[in-house]
Amino acid sequence: MSGCLTVVGLGPGDDRFLTPEARKALASAQALYGYGPYLDRVPLRDGQARNPSGNRVEGTRAQVALAHAASGAHVAMVSGGDPGVFAMAAAVCGEIEDGPEAWRALDLRIVPGITAMLAVAAKAGAPLGHDFCAISLSDNLKPWELIERRLDAAASGGFVIAFYNPISTARPWQLGQAFARLGHHLSPTTPVIFGRAVGRDDEAITVTTLDKAAETHADMATLVIVGSPETRVVTRNGQTPLVYSPRMTAPVSA
């Protein structure tokens, strides 16, 4: 029997964001692996094994799923958002590179999902309408000094920036430090969007400015988008403002 491993993006939250391809992959898998809260979002199915694990064991989780698939099973690895954006697809590929030859022979499929920055951007308007980048503020897997260099480069280059993993109990200071560093490059009135739990019942969108951003609550369920010098806010009577980055940028002066 030939096994396969499918890495499935669940999207940002509610079941309506799940793609038909992802839904089919989940339904056909004999076993599911993933971070516990993500697995809880997948409906229970008779005869389907579920293997939850913690948040910081991505490598081990990938190894166990790959070994199971190599035994001939059809296995699905679930991931929040898109599996290729700060998520499980990279962990699986890394374990295949370093693992036994049998893992390289597996049928590996990666099913995309709606990542958090796209879900938040759609709720706010079109802040990613021009050039943008994504930066994880977690220094668990890279040094903070590297994050600082990337913040400087992105802000000075005029990119809209999406922050993943902005803050946690173990990292309560990084987001404030990031805003302060961006303040060396950007106007205090630069729009900043906080999107918390987008796609879930308790979702919330807050639009503020860079000089006030550090006062706004955020947690690990929050995605933060910092605008570029071109990003604009359109006020609307009785409705939430629209934040967008125009598709055309003025020429750079010589």
C-alpha atoms as a PDB file:
ATOM      1  CA  MET A   1       0.000   0.000   0.000  1.00  0.00           C
ATOM      2  CA  SER A   2       1.358   3.415  -0.929  1.00  0.00           C
ATOM      3  CA  GLY A   3       1.100   6.030   1.783  1.00  0.00           C
ATOM      4  CA  CYS A   4       0.773   9.779   1.471  1.00  0.00           C
ATOM      5  CA  LEU A   5       1.004  12.844   3.662  1.00  0.00           C
ATOM      6  CA  THR A   6      -1.195  15.865   2.983  1.00  0.00           C
ATOM      7  CA  VAL A   7      -0.454  19.114   4.806  1.00  0.00           C
ATOM      8  CA  VAL A   8      -3.752  20.975   5.027  1.00  0.00           C
ATOM      9  CA  GLY A   9      -4.346  24.675   5.652  1.00  0.00           C
ATOM     10  CA  LEU A  10      -7.489  25.227   7.725  1.00  0.00           C
ATOM     11  CA  GLY A  11      -7.726  28.959   7.105  1.00  0.00           C
ATOM     12  CA  PRO A  12      -8.132  31.565   9.843  1.00  0.00           C
ATOM     13  CA  GLY A  13     -11.043  30.130  11.779  1.00  0.00           C
ATOM     14  CA  ASP A  14     -14.619  29.458  10.773  1.00  0.00           C
ATOM     15  CA  ASP A  15     -15.429  26.433   8.617  1.00  0.00           C
ATOM     16  CA  ARG A  16     -16.579  28.706   5.776  1.00  0.00           C
ATOM     17  CA  PHE A  17     -12.936  29.583   5.059  1.00  0.00           C
ATOM     18  CA  LEU A  18     -12.006  25.933   4.409  1.00  0.00           C
ATOM     19  CA  THR A  19     -11.388  25.232   0.722  1.00  0.00           C
ATOM     20  CA  PRO A  20     -13.112  22.298  -1.029  1.00  0.00           C
ATOM     21  CA  GLU A  21      -9.689  20.694  -1.609  1.00  0.00           C
ATOM     22  CA  ALA A  22      -8.850  20.936   2.095  1.00  0.00           C
ATOM     23  CA  ARG A  23     -12.240  19.546   3.094  1.00  0.00           C
ATOM     24  CA  LYS A  24     -11.755  16.550   0.776  1.00  0.00           C
ATOM     25  CA  ALA A  25      -8.232  15.870   2.095  1.00  0.00           C
ATOM     26  CA  LEU A  26      -9.425  15.907   5.701  1.00  0.00           C
ATOM     27  CA  ALA A  27     -12.349  13.603   4.976  1.00  0.00           C
ATOM     28  CA  SER A  28     -10.214  11.012   3.164  1.00  0.00           C
ATOM     29  CA  ALA A  29      -7.357  10.806   5.698  1.00  0.00           C
ATOM     30  CA  GLN A  30      -7.035   7.746   7.895  1.00  0.00           C
ATOM     31  CA  ALA A  31      -5.220   9.744  10.575  1.00  0.00           C
ATOM     32  CA  LEU A  32      -4.888  13.408  11.485  1.00  0.00           C
ATOM     33  CA  TYR A  33      -1.931  15.111  13.164  1.00  0.00           C
ATOM     34  CA  GLY A  34      -1.635  18.671  14.384  1.00  0.00           C
ATOM     35  CA  TYR A  35      -1.554  21.226  17.164  1.00  0.00           C
ATOM     36  CA  GLY A  36      -4.418  20.374  19.519  1.00  0.00           C
ATOM     37  CA  PRO A  37      -6.553  23.536  19.097  1.00  0.00           C
ATOM     38  CA  TYR A  38      -6.310  23.213  15.302  1.00  0.00           C
ATOM     39  CA  LEU A  39      -7.383  19.575  15.381  1.00  0.00           C
ATOM     40  CA  ASP A  40     -10.366  20.617  17.496  1.00  0.00           C
ATOM     41  CA  ARG A  41     -11.619  22.601  14.487  1.00  0.00           C
ATOM     42  CA  VAL A  42     -11.860  19.447  12.341  1.00  0.00           C
ATOM     43  CA  PRO A  43     -15.135  17.467  12.641  1.00  0.00           C
ATOM     44  CA  LEU A  44     -14.877  14.023  14.210  1.00  0.00           C
ATOM     45  CA  ARG A  45     -15.172  11.130  11.772  1.00  0.00           C
ATOM     46  CA  ASP A  46     -15.712   7.454  12.584  1.00  0.00           C
ATOM     47  CA  GLY A  47     -12.559   5.380  12.210  1.00  0.00           C
ATOM     48  CA  GLN A  48     -10.247   8.398  11.807  1.00  0.00           C
ATOM     49  CA  ALA A  49      -7.392   8.557  14.319  1.00  0.00           C
ATOM     50  CA  ARG A  50      -6.530  11.952  15.810  1.00  0.00           C
ATOM     51  CA  ASN A  51      -3.075  12.735  17.158  1.00  0.00           C
ATOM     52  CA  PRO A  52      -2.881  16.147  18.879  1.00  0.00           C
ATOM     53  CA  SER A  53       0.393  17.632  20.115  1.00  0.00           C
ATOM     54  CA  GLY A  54       1.739  20.836  21.652  1.00  0.00           C
ATOM     55  CA  ASN A  55       2.698  24.123  20.048  1.00  0.00           C
ATOM     56  CA  ARG A  56       6.494  23.801  20.104  1.00  0.00           C
ATOM     57  CA  VAL A  57       7.026  20.254  18.854  1.00  0.00           C
ATOM     58  CA  GLU A  58       6.656  20.825  15.113  1.00  0.00           C
ATOM     59  CA  GLY A  59       9.669  18.692  14.201  1.00  0.00           C
ATOM     60  CA  THR A  60       8.595  15.729  16.301  1.00  0.00           C
ATOM     61  CA  ARG A  61       5.021  16.029  15.030  1.00  0.00           C
ATOM     62  CA  ALA A  62       6.258  15.983  11.441  1.00  0.00           C
ATOM     63  CA  GLN A  63       8.517  12.974  12.067  1.00  0.00           C
ATOM     64  CA  VAL A  64       5.714  10.887  13.566  1.00  0.00           C
ATOM     65  CA  ALA A  65       3.298  11.797  10.742  1.00  0.00           C
ATOM     66  CA  LEU A  66       5.903  11.008   8.084  1.00  0.00           C
ATOM     67  CA  ALA A  67       6.684   7.643   9.658  1.00  0.00           C
ATOM     68  CA  HIS A  68       2.982   6.822   9.779  1.00  0.00           C
ATOM     69  CA  ALA A  69       2.555   7.760   6.113  1.00  0.00           C
ATOM     70  CA  ALA A  70       5.634   5.735   5.162  1.00  0.00           C
ATOM     71  CA  SER A  71       3.952   2.673   6.672  1.00  0.00           C
ATOM     72  CA  GLY A  72       1.283   2.970   3.972  1.00  0.00           C
ATOM     73  CA  ALA A  73      -1.330   5.174   5.627  1.00  0.00           C
ATOM     74  CA  HIS A  74      -3.076   8.229   4.219  1.00  0.00           C
ATOM     75  CA  VAL A  75      -2.209  10.911   6.753  1.00  0.00           C
ATOM     76  CA  ALA A  76      -3.213  14.579   7.002  1.00  0.00           C
ATOM     77  CA  MET A  77      -1.262  17.202   8.935  1.00  0.00           C
ATOM     78  CA  VAL A  78      -3.452  20.184   9.832  1.00  0.00           C
ATOM     79  CA  SER A  79      -2.147  23.722  10.062  1.00  0.00           C
ATOM     80  CA  GLY A  80      -3.848  27.002  10.840  1.00  0.00           C
ATOM     81  CA  GLY A  81      -4.106  29.527   8.024  1.00  0.00           C
ATOM     82  CA  ASP A  82      -1.856  28.517   5.135  1.00  0.00           C
ATOM     83  CA  PRO A  83       0.565  25.650   5.915  1.00  0.00           C
ATOM     84  CA  GLY A  84       3.383  27.345   3.993  1.00  0.00           C
ATOM     85  CA  VAL A  85       3.289  30.622   5.985  1.00  0.00           C
ATOM     86  CA  PHE A  86       5.153  30.241   9.303  1.00  0.00           C
ATOM     87  CA  ALA A  87       3.533  26.827   9.641  1.00  0.00           C
ATOM     88  CA  MET A  88       3.807  23.078   9.204  1.00  0.00           C
ATOM     89  CA  ALA A  89       4.736  22.704   5.534  1.00  0.00           C
ATOM     90  CA  ALA A  90       8.273  23.985   6.160  1.00  0.00           C
ATOM     91  CA  ALA A  91       8.651  21.687   9.181  1.00  0.00           C
ATOM     92  CA  VAL A  92       7.571  18.676   7.124  1.00  0.00           C
ATOM     93  CA  CYS A  93       9.928  19.569   4.251  1.00  0.00           C
ATOM     94  CA  GLY A  94      12.810  19.999   6.692  1.00  0.00           C
ATOM     95  CA  GLU A  95      12.243  16.575   8.217  1.00  0.00           C
ATOM     96  CA  ILE A  96      12.048  15.007   4.750  1.00  0.00           C
ATOM     97  CA  GLU A  97      15.397  16.597   3.856  1.00  0.00           C
ATOM     98  CA  ASP A  98      17.081  15.230   6.999  1.00  0.00           C
ATOM     99  CA  GLY A  99      15.147  11.971   7.291  1.00  0.00           C
ATOM    100  CA  PRO A 100      15.291   8.494   5.726  1.00  0.00           C
ATOM    101  CA  GLU A 101      15.056   7.924   1.988  1.00  0.00           C
ATOM    102  CA  ALA A 102      11.582   6.415   2.402  1.00  0.00           C
ATOM    103  CA  TRP A 103      10.233   9.841   3.378  1.00  0.00           C
ATOM    104  CA  ARG A 104      11.496  11.369   0.131  1.00  0.00           C
ATOM    105  CA  ALA A 105       9.585   8.717  -1.809  1.00  0.00           C
ATOM    106  CA  LEU A 106       6.272   9.625  -0.153  1.00  0.00           C
ATOM    107  CA  ASP A 107       3.419  11.240  -2.014  1.00  0.00           C
ATOM    108  CA  LEU A 108       3.468  14.678  -0.355  1.00  0.00           C
ATOM    109  CA  ARG A 109       0.676  17.150  -1.022  1.00  0.00           C
ATOM    110  CA  ILE A 110       0.372  20.646   0.394  1.00  0.00           C
ATOM    111  CA  VAL A 111      -3.113  22.147   0.363  1.00  0.00           C
ATOM    112  CA  PRO A 112      -3.165  25.949   0.692  1.00  0.00           C
ATOM    113  CA  GLY A 113      -5.407  27.898   3.020  1.00  0.00           C
ATOM    114  CA  ILE A 114      -6.295  31.530   3.697  1.00  0.00           C
ATOM    115  CA  THR A 115      -3.521  32.917   5.853  1.00  0.00           C
ATOM    116  CA  ALA A 116      -4.203  35.429   8.642  1.00  0.00           C
ATOM    117  CA  MET A 117      -2.781  38.481   6.892  1.00  0.00           C
ATOM    118  CA  LEU A 118      -5.154  37.978   3.951  1.00  0.00           C
ATOM    119  CA  ALA A 119      -8.154  37.482   6.227  1.00  0.00           C
ATOM    120  CA  VAL A 120      -7.354  40.602   8.263  1.00  0.00           C
ATOM    121  CA  ALA A 121      -6.601  42.650   5.147  1.00  0.00           C
ATOM    122  CA  ALA A 122      -9.966  41.727   3.630  1.00  0.00           C
ATOM    123  CA  LYS A 123     -11.784  42.837   6.773  1.00  0.00           C
ATOM    124  CA  ALA A 124      -9.962  46.188   6.826  1.00  0.00           C
ATOM    125  CA  GLY A 125     -10.123  47.010   3.109  1.00  0.00           C
ATOM    126  CA  ALA A 126      -7.017  46.533   0.970  1.00  0.00           C
ATOM    127  CA  PRO A 127      -3.915  47.381   3.027  1.00  0.00           C
ATOM    128  CA  LEU A 128      -1.893  44.819   1.048  1.00  0.00           C
ATOM    129  CA  GLY A 129      -2.877  46.412  -2.257  1.00  0.00           C
ATOM    130  CA  HIS A 130       0.750  47.233  -3.065  1.00  0.00           C
ATOM    131  CA  ASP A 131       4.131  45.729  -2.088  1.00  0.00           C
ATOM    132  CA  PHE A 132       4.127  44.048   1.332  1.00  0.00           C
ATOM    133  CA  CYS A 133       6.035  41.551   3.454  1.00  0.00           C
ATOM    134  CA  ALA A 134       5.389  39.323   6.467  1.00  0.00           C
ATOM    135  CA  ILE A 135       7.626  39.099   9.532  1.00  0.00           C
ATOM    136  CA  SER A 136       7.256  36.822  12.546  1.00  0.00           C
ATOM    137  CA  LEU A 137       8.173  38.659  15.740  1.00  0.00           C
ATOM    138  CA  SER A 138       8.932  35.397  17.539  1.00  0.00           C
ATOM    139  CA  ASP A 139      12.613  35.010  18.355  1.00  0.00           C
ATOM    140  CA  ASN A 140      12.257  31.317  19.217  1.00  0.00           C
ATOM    141  CA  LEU A 141      13.801  30.254  15.899  1.00  0.00           C
ATOM    142  CA  LYS A 142      15.839  33.345  14.940  1.00  0.00           C
ATOM    143  CA  PRO A 143      17.684  36.041  16.888  1.00  0.00           C
ATOM    144  CA  TRP A 144      15.983  39.330  17.723  1.00  0.00           C
ATOM    145  CA  GLU A 145      18.860  41.205  16.078  1.00  0.00           C
ATOM    146  CA  LEU A 146      17.879  39.670  12.733  1.00  0.00           C
ATOM    147  CA  ILE A 147      14.261  40.709  13.261  1.00  0.00           C
ATOM    148  CA  GLU A 148      15.424  44.278  13.906  1.00  0.00           C
ATOM    149  CA  ARG A 149      17.421  44.340  10.659  1.00  0.00           C
ATOM    150  CA  ARG A 150      14.419  43.094   8.725  1.00  0.00           C
ATOM    151  CA  LEU A 151      12.158  45.702  10.338  1.00  0.00           C
ATOM    152  CA  ASP A 152      14.586  48.442   9.286  1.00  0.00           C
ATOM    153  CA  ALA A 153      14.823  47.098   5.751  1.00  0.00           C
ATOM    154  CA  ALA A 154      11.073  46.656   5.294  1.00  0.00           C
ATOM    155  CA  ALA A 155      10.154  50.073   6.672  1.00  0.00           C
ATOM    156  CA  SER A 156      12.884  51.966   4.827  1.00  0.00           C
ATOM    157  CA  GLY A 157      11.944  50.111   1.626  1.00  0.00           C
ATOM    158  CA  GLY A 158       8.329  51.269   1.802  1.00  0.00           C
ATOM    159  CA  PHE A 159       6.717  47.880   2.410  1.00  0.00           C
ATOM    160  CA  VAL A 160       3.454  47.303   4.228  1.00  0.00           C
ATOM    161  CA  ILE A 161       4.363  44.848   7.010  1.00  0.00           C
ATOM    162  CA  ALA A 162       2.259  42.034   8.454  1.00  0.00           C
ATOM    163  CA  PHE A 163       3.340  40.865  11.922  1.00  0.00           C
ATOM    164  CA  TYR A 164       2.776  37.227  12.808  1.00  0.00           C
ATOM    165  CA  ASN A 165       3.315  35.979  16.393  1.00  0.00           C
ATOM    166  CA  PRO A 166       3.302  39.570  17.666  1.00  0.00           C
ATOM    167  CA  ILE A 167       3.284  38.944  21.402  1.00  0.00           C
ATOM    168  CA  SER A 168       2.966  36.203  24.012  1.00  0.00           C
ATOM    169  CA  THR A 169       3.322  35.698  27.756  1.00  0.00           C
ATOM    170  CA  ALA A 170       6.946  34.698  27.240  1.00  0.00           C
ATOM    171  CA  ARG A 171       7.561  37.611  24.809  1.00  0.00           C
ATOM    172  CA  PRO A 172       5.650  40.608  26.179  1.00  0.00           C
ATOM    173  CA  TRP A 173       8.040  43.298  24.909  1.00  0.00           C
ATOM    174  CA  GLN A 174       8.793  42.541  21.247  1.00  0.00           C
ATOM    175  CA  LEU A 175       5.757  44.211  19.687  1.00  0.00           C
ATOM    176  CA  GLY A 176       6.382  47.500  21.486  1.00  0.00           C
ATOM    177  CA  GLN A 177      10.030  47.350  20.489  1.00  0.00           C
ATOM    178  CA  ALA A 178       9.040  46.720  16.888  1.00  0.00           C
ATOM    179  CA  PHE A 179       6.710  49.737  16.833  1.00  0.00           C
ATOM    180  CA  ALA A 180       9.421  51.927  18.359  1.00  0.00           C
ATOM    181  CA  ARG A 181      11.923  50.806  15.739  1.00  0.00           C
ATOM    182  CA  LEU A 182       9.487  51.434  12.897  1.00  0.00           C
ATOM    183  CA  GLY A 183       8.986  54.913  14.323  1.00  0.00           C
ATOM    184  CA  HIS A 184      12.518  55.785  13.184  1.00  0.00           C
ATOM    185  CA  HIS A 185      11.399  55.278   9.562  1.00  0.00           C
ATOM    186  CA  LEU A 186       7.654  55.945   9.442  1.00  0.00           C
ATOM    187  CA  SER A 187       5.307  58.803  10.258  1.00  0.00           C
ATOM    188  CA  PRO A 188       3.502  58.662  13.625  1.00  0.00           C
ATOM    189  CA  THR A 189       0.214  58.736  11.680  1.00  0.00           C
ATOM    190  CA  THR A 190       0.999  55.576   9.695  1.00  0.00           C
ATOM    191  CA  PRO A 191      -2.114  53.337   9.846  1.00  0.00           C
ATOM    192  CA  VAL A 192      -1.854  50.183  11.948  1.00  0.00           C
ATOM    193  CA  ILE A 193      -4.469  47.409  11.901  1.00  0.00           C
ATOM    194  CA  PHE A 194      -4.970  44.887  14.707  1.00  0.00           C
ATOM    195  CA  GLY A 195      -7.003  41.875  13.597  1.00  0.00           C
ATOM    196  CA  ARG A 196      -7.832  39.490  16.420  1.00  0.00           C
ATOM    197  CA  ALA A 197      -9.439  36.062  15.899  1.00  0.00           C
ATOM    198  CA  VAL A 198     -10.592  36.951  12.394  1.00  0.00           C
ATOM    199  CA  GLY A 199     -12.912  34.264  11.085  1.00  0.00           C
ATOM    200  CA  ARG A 200     -14.185  33.361  14.568  1.00  0.00           C
ATOM    201  CA  ASP A 201     -17.143  34.491  16.650  1.00  0.00           C
ATOM    202  CA  ASP A 202     -15.032  36.854  18.766  1.00  0.00           C
ATOM    203  CA  GLU A 203     -13.190  38.556  15.906  1.00  0.00           C
ATOM    204  CA  ALA A 204     -12.250  42.209  16.307  1.00  0.00           C
ATOM    205  CA  ILE A 205     -10.632  44.745  13.967  1.00  0.00           C
ATOM    206  CA  THR A 206      -8.986  47.871  15.400  1.00  0.00           C
ATOM    207  CA  VAL A 207      -7.519  50.631  13.233  1.00  0.00           C
ATOM    208  CA  THR A 208      -5.101  53.009  14.927  1.00  0.00           C
ATOM    209  CA  THR A 209      -1.862  54.870  14.163  1.00  0.00           C
ATOM    210  CA  LEU A 210       1.758  53.999  14.779  1.00  0.00           C
ATOM    211  CA  ASP A 211       2.155  56.492  17.617  1.00  0.00           C
ATOM    212  CA  LYS A 212      -0.760  54.873  19.489  1.00  0.00           C
ATOM    213  CA  ALA A 213      -0.222  51.258  18.460  1.00  0.00           C
ATOM    214  CA  ALA A 214       1.699  50.246  21.583  1.00  0.00           C
ATOM    215  CA  GLU A 215      -1.394  51.117  23.650  1.00  0.00           C
ATOM    216  CA  THR A 216      -3.572  48.624  21.750  1.00  0.00           C
ATOM    217  CA  HIS A 217      -4.049  45.134  23.179  1.00  0.00           C
ATOM    218  CA  ALA A 218      -2.668  42.184  21.203  1.00  0.00           C
ATOM    219  CA  ASP A 219      -2.082  38.496  21.841  1.00  0.00           C
ATOM    220  CA  MET A 220      -1.104  35.394  19.870  1.00  0.00           C
ATOM    221  CA  ALA A 221      -4.526  35.394  18.186  1.00  0.00           C
ATOM    222  CA  THR A 222      -3.749  38.836  16.727  1.00  0.00           C
ATOM    223  CA  LEU A 223      -2.315  39.688  13.312  1.00  0.00           C
ATOM    224  CA  VAL A 224      -0.927  43.212  13.007  1.00  0.00           C
ATOM    225  CA  ILE A 225      -0.565  45.109   9.717  1.00  0.00           C
ATOM    226  CA  VAL A 226       1.561  48.277   9.636  1.00  0.00           C
ATOM    227  CA  GLY A 227       0.976  50.471   6.616  1.00  0.00           C
ATOM    228  CA  SER A 228       3.515  52.065   4.312  1.00  0.00           C
ATOM    229  CA  PRO A 229       3.879  55.829   3.681  1.00  0.00           C
ATOM    230  CA  GLU A 230       1.315  55.416   0.853  1.00  0.00           C
ATOM    231  CA  THR A 231      -1.326  53.565   2.920  1.00  0.00           C
ATOM    232  CA  ARG A 232      -4.519  55.581   3.354  1.00  0.00           C
ATOM    233  CA  VAL A 233      -7.565  55.545   5.630  1.00  0.00           C
ATOM    234  CA  VAL A 234     -10.965  56.391   4.168  1.00  0.00           C
ATOM    235  CA  THR A 235     -13.485  57.444   6.821  1.00  0.00           C
ATOM    236  CA  ARG A 236     -17.122  56.452   6.278  1.00  0.00           C
ATOM    237  CA  ASN A 237     -20.133  57.777   8.174  1.00  0.00           C
ATOM    238  CA  GLY A 238     -21.494  55.104  10.480  1.00  0.00           C
ATOM    239  CA  GLN A 239     -19.169  52.425   9.124  1.00  0.00           C
ATOM    240  CA  THR A 240     -15.697  51.189   9.877  1.00  0.00           C
ATOM    241  CA  PRO A 241     -12.968  53.016   7.964  1.00  0.00           C
ATOM    242  CA  LEU A 242     -11.368  51.503   4.883  1.00  0.00           C
ATOM    243  CA  VAL A 243      -7.614  51.075   4.951  1.00  0.00           C
ATOM    244  CA  TYR A 244      -5.934  50.591   1.604  1.00  0.00           C
ATOM    245  CA  SER A 245      -2.568  50.876  -0.116  1.00  0.00           C
ATOM    246  CA  PRO A 246      -2.923  52.353  -3.634  1.00  0.00           C
ATOM    247  CA  ARG A 247      -1.657  50.196  -6.464  1.00  0.00           C
ATOM    248  CA  MET A 248       0.277  53.125  -7.914  1.00  0.00           C
ATOM    249  CA  THR A 249       3.232  54.657  -6.065  1.00  0.00           C
ATOM    250  CA  ALA A 250       4.729  58.053  -6.821  1.00  0.00           C
ATOM    251  CA  PRO A 251       8.151  58.022  -8.529  1.00  0.00           C
ATOM    252  CA  VAL A 252      11.176  58.226  -6.229  1.00  0.00           C
ATOM    253  CA  SER A 253      12.939  61.604  -6.441  1.00  0.00           C
ATOM    254  CA  ALA A 254      16.505  61.572  -7.684  1.00  0.00           C
END
